[in-house]
C-alpha cells in the first residue's frame, strides 16, 4: 500500500531540527485543516482525511 515509509535524509533546503544522515519516517495521515473537526484540534476525525497509500498514491 505504501503507507509505511522510512528513509535517510540525504539533502534538504530548510528542515529545522533535522540533520543529514538522520533516519526519517512519515505520518501517513493528511487532514484538511479547515473542517470543524480540524478546527477543534481533532484532525483524526477530519471529514476529508486522506491516508497516504490508501486515498492517495503511496511510496
Protein backbone atom coordinates (compact mmCIF):
# COMPACT_ATOMS: atom_id res chain seq x y z
CA UNK A 1 0.00 0.00 0.00
CA UNK A 2 2.91 2.36 0.58
CA UNK A 3 1.72 3.98 3.80
CA UNK A 4 4.69 2.92 5.94
CA UNK A 5 7.77 4.73 4.69
CA UNK A 6 11.20 5.36 6.10
CA UNK A 7 14.42 6.66 4.68
CA UNK A 8 17.63 8.54 5.26
CA UNK A 9 17.75 12.31 4.97
CA UNK A 10 20.48 12.99 2.44
CA UNK A 11 19.72 16.54 1.29
CA UNK A 12 17.29 19.32 2.18
CA UNK A 13 16.82 23.07 1.91
CA UNK A 14 15.26 24.13 5.20
CA UNK A 15 14.35 21.50 7.76
CA UNK A 16 14.99 22.83 11.28
CA UNK A 17 15.62 20.06 13.78
CA UNK A 18 16.87 17.56 11.20
CA UNK A 19 20.41 16.54 10.28
CA UNK A 20 21.86 14.92 7.18
CA UNK A 21 22.10 11.15 7.57
CA UNK A 22 19.22 11.03 10.04
CA UNK A 23 16.63 8.24 9.75
CA UNK A 24 13.18 9.65 8.96
CA UNK A 25 9.62 8.38 8.56
CA UNK A 26 6.26 9.96 7.78
CA UNK A 27 2.89 10.14 9.47
CA UNK A 28 0.64 8.94 6.63
CA UNK A 29 -2.50 10.88 7.63
CA UNK A 30 -3.27 14.19 5.94
CA UNK A 31 -6.13 16.26 7.34
CA UNK A 32 -7.68 19.30 5.63
CA UNK A 33 -7.10 21.75 8.49
CA UNK A 34 -10.37 23.56 7.82
CA UNK A 35 -13.31 21.32 8.73
CA UNK A 36 -14.97 21.52 12.14
CA UNK A 37 -13.01 18.52 13.50
CA UNK A 38 -9.67 20.00 12.40
CA UNK A 39 -10.55 23.42 13.80
CA UNK A 40 -11.35 21.77 17.13
CA UNK A 41 -7.95 20.06 17.23
CA UNK A 42 -9.17 16.60 16.21
CA UNK A 43 -7.54 16.03 12.80
CA UNK A 44 -8.05 12.27 13.17
CA UNK A 45 -11.78 12.95 12.74
CA UNK A 46 -11.30 15.14 9.64
CA UNK A 47 -14.21 14.98 7.23
CA UNK A 48 -11.79 14.97 4.28
CA UNK A 49 -8.86 12.92 5.69
CA UNK A 50 -6.51 11.35 3.16
CA UNK A 51 -4.28 8.39 4.01
CA UNK A 52 -1.02 8.03 2.09
CA UNK A 53 -1.14 4.70 0.27
CA UNK A 54 -4.94 4.39 0.62
CA UNK A 55 -6.69 7.52 -0.64
CA UNK A 56 -3.63 8.96 -2.40
CA UNK A 57 -0.68 7.22 -4.05
CA UNK A 58 1.77 5.72 -1.57
CA UNK A 59 5.51 5.42 -1.57
